[in-house]
Amino acid sequence: CYNETVAQEYFPLTKKEAIKQGYS
């Protein structure tokens, strides 16, 4: 899922933002 990955460290998103952009 997005918040398990390095992407969350460099490009942090909230749960709502991540889901809106199509990420789990």
PDB file of all heavy atoms in Angstrom:
ATOM      1  N   CYS A   1       0.849  -1.185   0.000  1.00  0.00           N
ATOM      2  CA  CYS A   1       0.000   0.000   0.000  1.00  0.00           C
ATOM      3  C   CYS A   1       0.886   1.236   0.000  1.00  0.00           C
ATOM      4  O   CYS A   1       2.049   1.189   0.427  1.00  0.00           O
ATOM      5  CB  CYS A   1      -0.913  -0.001   1.221  1.00  0.00           C
ATOM      6  SG  CYS A   1      -2.029  -1.421   1.266  1.00  0.00           S
ATOM      7  N   TYR A   2       0.325   2.340  -0.443  1.00  0.00           N
ATOM      8  CA  TYR A   2       1.119   3.563  -0.606  1.00  0.00           C
ATOM      9  C   TYR A   2       1.854   3.935   0.681  1.00  0.00           C
ATOM     10  O   TYR A   2       3.049   4.242   0.668  1.00  0.00           O
ATOM     11  CB  TYR A   2       0.214   4.725  -1.032  1.00  0.00           C
ATOM     12  CG  TYR A   2       0.976   5.964  -1.441  1.00  0.00           C
ATOM     13  CD1 TYR A   2       1.336   6.182  -2.761  1.00  0.00           C
ATOM     14  CD2 TYR A   2       1.335   6.934  -0.499  1.00  0.00           C
ATOM     15  CE1 TYR A   2       2.043   7.315  -3.138  1.00  0.00           C
ATOM     16  CE2 TYR A   2       2.037   8.063  -0.865  1.00  0.00           C
ATOM     17  CZ  TYR A   2       2.399   8.257  -2.189  1.00  0.00           C
ATOM     18  OH  TYR A   2       3.102   9.375  -2.550  1.00  0.00           O
ATOM     19  N   ASN A   3       1.160   3.886   1.827  1.00  0.00           N
ATOM     20  CA  ASN A   3       1.774   4.332   3.078  1.00  0.00           C
ATOM     21  C   ASN A   3       2.727   3.307   3.679  1.00  0.00           C
ATOM     22  O   ASN A   3       3.308   3.540   4.739  1.00  0.00           O
ATOM     23  CB  ASN A   3       0.705   4.707   4.101  1.00  0.00           C
ATOM     24  CG  ASN A   3      -0.249   3.572   4.413  1.00  0.00           C
ATOM     25  OD1 ASN A   3      -0.646   2.813   3.531  1.00  0.00           O
ATOM     26  ND2 ASN A   3      -0.639   3.456   5.674  1.00  0.00           N
ATOM     27  N   GLU A   4       2.925   2.160   3.028  1.00  0.00           N
ATOM     28  CA  GLU A   4       3.949   1.207   3.445  1.00  0.00           C
ATOM     29  C   GLU A   4       5.264   1.445   2.716  1.00  0.00           C
ATOM     30  O   GLU A   4       6.271   0.834   3.061  1.00  0.00           O
ATOM     31  CB  GLU A   4       3.485  -0.227   3.151  1.00  0.00           C
ATOM     32  CG  GLU A   4       2.329  -0.719   3.987  1.00  0.00           C
ATOM     33  CD  GLU A   4       1.930  -2.138   3.606  1.00  0.00           C
ATOM     34  OE1 GLU A   4       1.496  -2.345   2.458  1.00  0.00           O
ATOM     35  OE2 GLU A   4       2.063  -3.034   4.463  1.00  0.00           O
ATOM     36  N   THR A   5       5.261   2.298   1.729  1.00  0.00           N
ATOM     37  CA  THR A   5       6.402   2.400   0.824  1.00  0.00           C
ATOM     38  C   THR A   5       7.215   3.674   1.012  1.00  0.00           C
ATOM     39  O   THR A   5       6.817   4.600   1.723  1.00  0.00           O
ATOM     40  CB  THR A   5       5.926   2.342  -0.638  1.00  0.00           C
ATOM     41  OG1 THR A   5       5.214   3.552  -0.953  1.00  0.00           O
ATOM     42  CG2 THR A   5       5.018   1.142  -0.865  1.00  0.00           C
ATOM     43  N   VAL A   6       8.340   3.715   0.310  1.00  0.00           N
ATOM     44  CA  VAL A   6       9.206   4.891   0.325  1.00  0.00           C
ATOM     45  C   VAL A   6       8.488   6.104  -0.257  1.00  0.00           C
ATOM     46  O   VAL A   6       8.805   7.249   0.098  1.00  0.00           O
ATOM     47  CB  VAL A   6      10.492   4.596  -0.464  1.00  0.00           C
ATOM     48  CG1 VAL A   6      11.427   5.802  -0.467  1.00  0.00           C
ATOM     49  CG2 VAL A   6      11.219   3.401   0.126  1.00  0.00           C
ATOM     50  N   ALA A   7       7.506   5.885  -1.115  1.00  0.00           N
ATOM     51  CA  ALA A   7       6.772   7.007  -1.700  1.00  0.00           C
ATOM     52  C   ALA A   7       6.152   7.890  -0.627  1.00  0.00           C
ATOM     53  O   ALA A   7       6.135   9.123  -0.751  1.00  0.00           O
ATOM     54  CB  ALA A   7       5.681   6.484  -2.635  1.00  0.00           C
ATOM     55  N   GLN A   8       5.678   7.291   0.457  1.00  0.00           N
ATOM     56  CA  GLN A   8       5.065   8.067   1.531  1.00  0.00           C
ATOM     57  C   GLN A   8       6.088   8.932   2.255  1.00  0.00           C
ATOM     58  O   GLN A   8       5.755   9.977   2.802  1.00  0.00           O
ATOM     59  CB  GLN A   8       4.366   7.127   2.521  1.00  0.00           C
ATOM     60  CG  GLN A   8       3.704   7.801   3.703  1.00  0.00           C
ATOM     61  CD  GLN A   8       2.475   8.627   3.333  1.00  0.00           C
ATOM     62  OE1 GLN A   8       2.159   8.813   2.165  1.00  0.00           O
ATOM     63  NE2 GLN A   8       1.776   9.128   4.331  1.00  0.00           N
ATOM     64  N   GLU A   9       7.364   8.515   2.242  1.00  0.00           N
ATOM     65  CA  GLU A   9       8.417   9.294   2.898  1.00  0.00           C
ATOM     66  C   GLU A   9       8.765  10.535   2.078  1.00  0.00           C
ATOM     67  O   GLU A   9       9.038  11.609   2.635  1.00  0.00           O
ATOM     68  CB  GLU A   9       9.663   8.434   3.101  1.00  0.00           C
ATOM     69  CG  GLU A   9       9.437   7.215   3.992  1.00  0.00           C
ATOM     70  CD  GLU A   9      10.686   6.363   4.129  1.00  0.00           C
ATOM     71  OE1 GLU A   9      11.799   6.915   4.008  1.00  0.00           O
ATOM     72  OE2 GLU A   9      10.549   5.150   4.357  1.00  0.00           O
ATOM     73  N   TYR A  10       8.794  10.403   0.757  1.00  0.00           N
ATOM     74  CA  TYR A  10       9.191  11.508  -0.108  1.00  0.00           C
ATOM     75  C   TYR A  10       8.002  12.338  -0.588  1.00  0.00           C
ATOM     76  O   TYR A  10       8.129  13.545  -0.792  1.00  0.00           O
ATOM     77  CB  TYR A  10       9.941  10.967  -1.333  1.00  0.00           C
ATOM     78  CG  TYR A  10      11.357  10.540  -1.055  1.00  0.00           C
ATOM     79  CD1 TYR A  10      11.639   9.277  -0.554  1.00  0.00           C
ATOM     80  CD2 TYR A  10      12.427  11.397  -1.297  1.00  0.00           C
ATOM     81  CE1 TYR A  10      12.946   8.874  -0.300  1.00  0.00           C
ATOM     82  CE2 TYR A  10      13.732  11.013  -1.056  1.00  0.00           C
ATOM     83  CZ  TYR A  10      13.983   9.746  -0.557  1.00  0.00           C
ATOM     84  OH  TYR A  10      15.270   9.355  -0.305  1.00  0.00           O
ATOM     85  N   PHE A  11       6.855  11.689  -0.777  1.00  0.00           N
ATOM     86  CA  PHE A  11       5.662  12.372  -1.275  1.00  0.00           C
ATOM     87  C   PHE A  11       4.473  12.000  -0.382  1.00  0.00           C
ATOM     88  O   PHE A  11       3.602  11.222  -0.784  1.00  0.00           O
ATOM     89  CB  PHE A  11       5.372  11.970  -2.726  1.00  0.00           C
ATOM     90  CG  PHE A  11       6.494  12.262  -3.682  1.00  0.00           C
ATOM     91  CD1 PHE A  11       7.475  11.314  -3.936  1.00  0.00           C
ATOM     92  CD2 PHE A  11       6.569  13.488  -4.336  1.00  0.00           C
ATOM     93  CE1 PHE A  11       8.512  11.565  -4.822  1.00  0.00           C
ATOM     94  CE2 PHE A  11       7.599  13.759  -5.223  1.00  0.00           C
ATOM     95  CZ  PHE A  11       8.575  12.802  -5.465  1.00  0.00           C
ATOM     96  N   PRO A  12       4.450  12.497   0.867  1.00  0.00           N
ATOM     97  CA  PRO A  12       3.431  12.068   1.836  1.00  0.00           C
ATOM     98  C   PRO A  12       2.019  12.461   1.420  1.00  0.00           C
ATOM     99  O   PRO A  12       1.775  13.560   0.922  1.00  0.00           O
ATOM    100  CB  PRO A  12       3.845  12.787   3.125  1.00  0.00           C
ATOM    101  CG  PRO A  12       4.684  13.948   2.681  1.00  0.00           C
ATOM    102  CD  PRO A  12       5.379  13.493   1.444  1.00  0.00           C
ATOM    103  N   LEU A  13       1.086  11.526   1.616  1.00  0.00           N
ATOM    104  CA  LEU A  13      -0.324  11.744   1.341  1.00  0.00           C
ATOM    105  C   LEU A  13      -1.151  11.304   2.539  1.00  0.00           C
ATOM    106  O   LEU A  13      -0.718  10.459   3.330  1.00  0.00           O
ATOM    107  CB  LEU A  13      -0.769  10.928   0.115  1.00  0.00           C
ATOM    108  CG  LEU A  13      -0.117  11.210  -1.235  1.00  0.00           C
ATOM    109  CD1 LEU A  13      -0.621  10.218  -2.272  1.00  0.00           C
ATOM    110  CD2 LEU A  13      -0.365  12.639  -1.688  1.00  0.00           C
ATOM    111  N   THR A  14      -2.323  11.882   2.677  1.00  0.00           N
ATOM    112  CA  THR A  14      -3.281  11.359   3.649  1.00  0.00           C
ATOM    113  C   THR A  14      -3.980  10.158   3.022  1.00  0.00           C
ATOM    114  O   THR A  14      -3.884   9.915   1.811  1.00  0.00           O
ATOM    115  CB  THR A  14      -4.321  12.418   4.019  1.00  0.00           C
ATOM    116  OG1 THR A  14      -5.087  12.750   2.837  1.00  0.00           O
ATOM    117  CG2 THR A  14      -3.654  13.687   4.549  1.00  0.00           C
ATOM    118  N   LYS A  15      -4.681   9.409   3.836  1.00  0.00           N
ATOM    119  CA  LYS A  15      -5.409   8.257   3.318  1.00  0.00           C
ATOM    120  C   LYS A  15      -6.401   8.681   2.238  1.00  0.00           C
ATOM    121  O   LYS A  15      -6.496   8.048   1.173  1.00  0.00           O
ATOM    122  CB  LYS A  15      -6.146   7.553   4.464  1.00  0.00           C
ATOM    123  CG  LYS A  15      -6.973   6.359   4.032  1.00  0.00           C
ATOM    124  CD  LYS A  15      -7.660   5.707   5.223  1.00  0.00           C
ATOM    125  CE  LYS A  15      -8.502   4.501   4.792  1.00  0.00           C
ATOM    126  NZ  LYS A  15      -9.157   3.841   5.948  1.00  0.00           N
ATOM    127  N   LYS A  16      -7.097   9.785   2.481  1.00  0.00           N
ATOM    128  CA  LYS A  16      -8.086  10.271   1.528  1.00  0.00           C
ATOM    129  C   LYS A  16      -7.429  10.654   0.211  1.00  0.00           C
ATOM    130  O   LYS A  16      -7.934  10.333  -0.880  1.00  0.00           O
ATOM    131  CB  LYS A  16      -8.841  11.458   2.122  1.00  0.00           C
ATOM    132  CG  LYS A  16      -9.969  11.986   1.257  1.00  0.00           C
ATOM    133  CD  LYS A  16     -10.700  13.127   1.951  1.00  0.00           C
ATOM    134  CE  LYS A  16     -11.842  13.662   1.090  1.00  0.00           C
ATOM    135  NZ  LYS A  16     -12.553  14.784   1.775  1.00  0.00           N
ATOM    136  N   GLU A  17      -6.283  11.353   0.294  1.00  0.00           N
ATOM    137  CA  GLU A  17      -5.575  11.781  -0.917  1.00  0.00           C
ATOM    138  C   GLU A  17      -5.067  10.579  -1.712  1.00  0.00           C
ATOM    139  O   GLU A  17      -5.149  10.548  -2.934  1.00  0.00           O
ATOM    140  CB  GLU A  17      -4.410  12.695  -0.541  1.00  0.00           C
ATOM    141  CG  GLU A  17      -4.835  14.059  -0.028  1.00  0.00           C
ATOM    142  CD  GLU A  17      -3.676  14.846   0.565  1.00  0.00           C
ATOM    143  OE1 GLU A  17      -2.677  14.211   0.978  1.00  0.00           O
ATOM    144  OE2 GLU A  17      -3.776  16.077   0.635  1.00  0.00           O
ATOM    145  N   ALA A  18      -4.515   9.592  -1.002  1.00  0.00           N
ATOM    146  CA  ALA A  18      -3.961   8.421  -1.666  1.00  0.00           C
ATOM    147  C   ALA A  18      -5.046   7.644  -2.411  1.00  0.00           C
ATOM    148  O   ALA A  18      -4.872   7.254  -3.572  1.00  0.00           O
ATOM    149  CB  ALA A  18      -3.265   7.517  -0.656  1.00  0.00           C
ATOM    150  N   ILE A  19      -6.157   7.420  -1.745  1.00  0.00           N
ATOM    151  CA  ILE A  19      -7.248   6.671  -2.373  1.00  0.00           C
ATOM    152  C   ILE A  19      -7.808   7.430  -3.570  1.00  0.00           C
ATOM    153  O   ILE A  19      -8.125   6.843  -4.613  1.00  0.00           O
ATOM    154  CB  ILE A  19      -8.354   6.376  -1.334  1.00  0.00           C
ATOM    155  CG1 ILE A  19      -7.821   5.400  -0.277  1.00  0.00           C
ATOM    156  CG2 ILE A  19      -9.596   5.807  -1.998  1.00  0.00           C
ATOM    157  CD1 ILE A  19      -8.769   5.144   0.863  1.00  0.00           C
ATOM    158  N   LYS A  20      -7.904   8.760  -3.439  1.00  0.00           N
ATOM    159  CA  LYS A  20      -8.404   9.570  -4.545  1.00  0.00           C
ATOM    160  C   LYS A  20      -7.506   9.457  -5.770  1.00  0.00           C
ATOM    161  O   LYS A  20      -7.980   9.499  -6.913  1.00  0.00           O
ATOM    162  CB  LYS A  20      -8.523  11.035  -4.101  1.00  0.00           C
ATOM    163  CG  LYS A  20      -9.121  11.953  -5.160  1.00  0.00           C
ATOM    164  CD  LYS A  20      -9.242  13.380  -4.638  1.00  0.00           C
ATOM    165  CE  LYS A  20      -9.836  14.302  -5.704  1.00  0.00           C
ATOM    166  NZ  LYS A  20      -9.942  15.699  -5.214  1.00  0.00           N
ATOM    167  N   GLN A  21      -6.193   9.294  -5.543  1.00  0.00           N
ATOM    168  CA  GLN A  21      -5.245   9.183  -6.648  1.00  0.00           C
ATOM    169  C   GLN A  21      -5.079   7.746  -7.144  1.00  0.00           C
ATOM    170  O   GLN A  21      -4.226   7.469  -7.993  1.00  0.00           O
ATOM    171  CB  GLN A  21      -3.887   9.750  -6.221  1.00  0.00           C
ATOM    172  CG  GLN A  21      -3.920  11.243  -5.930  1.00  0.00           C
ATOM    173  CD  GLN A  21      -2.566  11.803  -5.531  1.00  0.00           C
ATOM    174  OE1 GLN A  21      -1.528  11.342  -6.021  1.00  0.00           O
ATOM    175  NE2 GLN A  21      -2.549  12.796  -4.657  1.00  0.00           N
ATOM    176  N   GLY A  22      -5.891   6.837  -6.600  1.00  0.00           N
ATOM    177  CA  GLY A  22      -5.884   5.470  -7.100  1.00  0.00           C
ATOM    178  C   GLY A  22      -4.933   4.528  -6.404  1.00  0.00           C
ATOM    179  O   GLY A  22      -4.731   3.392  -6.855  1.00  0.00           O
ATOM    180  N   TYR A  23      -4.316   4.975  -5.290  1.00  0.00           N
ATOM    181  CA  TYR A  23      -3.405   4.107  -4.554  1.00  0.00           C
ATOM    182  C   TYR A  23      -4.150   3.377  -3.441  1.00  0.00           C
ATOM    183  O   TYR A  23      -5.156   3.854  -2.934  1.00  0.00           O
ATOM    184  CB  TYR A  23      -2.262   4.927  -3.947  1.00  0.00           C
ATOM    185  CG  TYR A  23      -1.456   5.708  -4.953  1.00  0.00           C
ATOM    186  CD1 TYR A  23      -1.390   7.101  -4.886  1.00  0.00           C
ATOM    187  CD2 TYR A  23      -0.768   5.067  -5.971  1.00  0.00           C
ATOM    188  CE1 TYR A  23      -0.656   7.827  -5.816  1.00  0.00           C
ATOM    189  CE2 TYR A  23      -0.034   5.780  -6.903  1.00  0.00           C
ATOM    190  CZ  TYR A  23       0.024   7.158  -6.819  1.00  0.00           C
ATOM    191  OH  TYR A  23       0.745   7.868  -7.735  1.00  0.00           O
ATOM    192  N   SER A  24      -3.642   2.229  -3.043  1.00  0.00           N
ATOM    193  CA  SER A  24      -4.218   1.507  -1.911  1.00  0.00           C
ATOM    194  C   SER A  24      -3.625   2.039  -0.608  1.00  0.00           C
ATOM    195  O   SER A  24      -2.587   2.703  -0.599  1.00  0.00           O
ATOM    196  CB  SER A  24      -3.954   0.009  -2.047  1.00  0.00           C
ATOM    197  OG  SER A  24      -2.560  -0.243  -2.142  1.00  0.00           O
TER     198      SER A  24
END
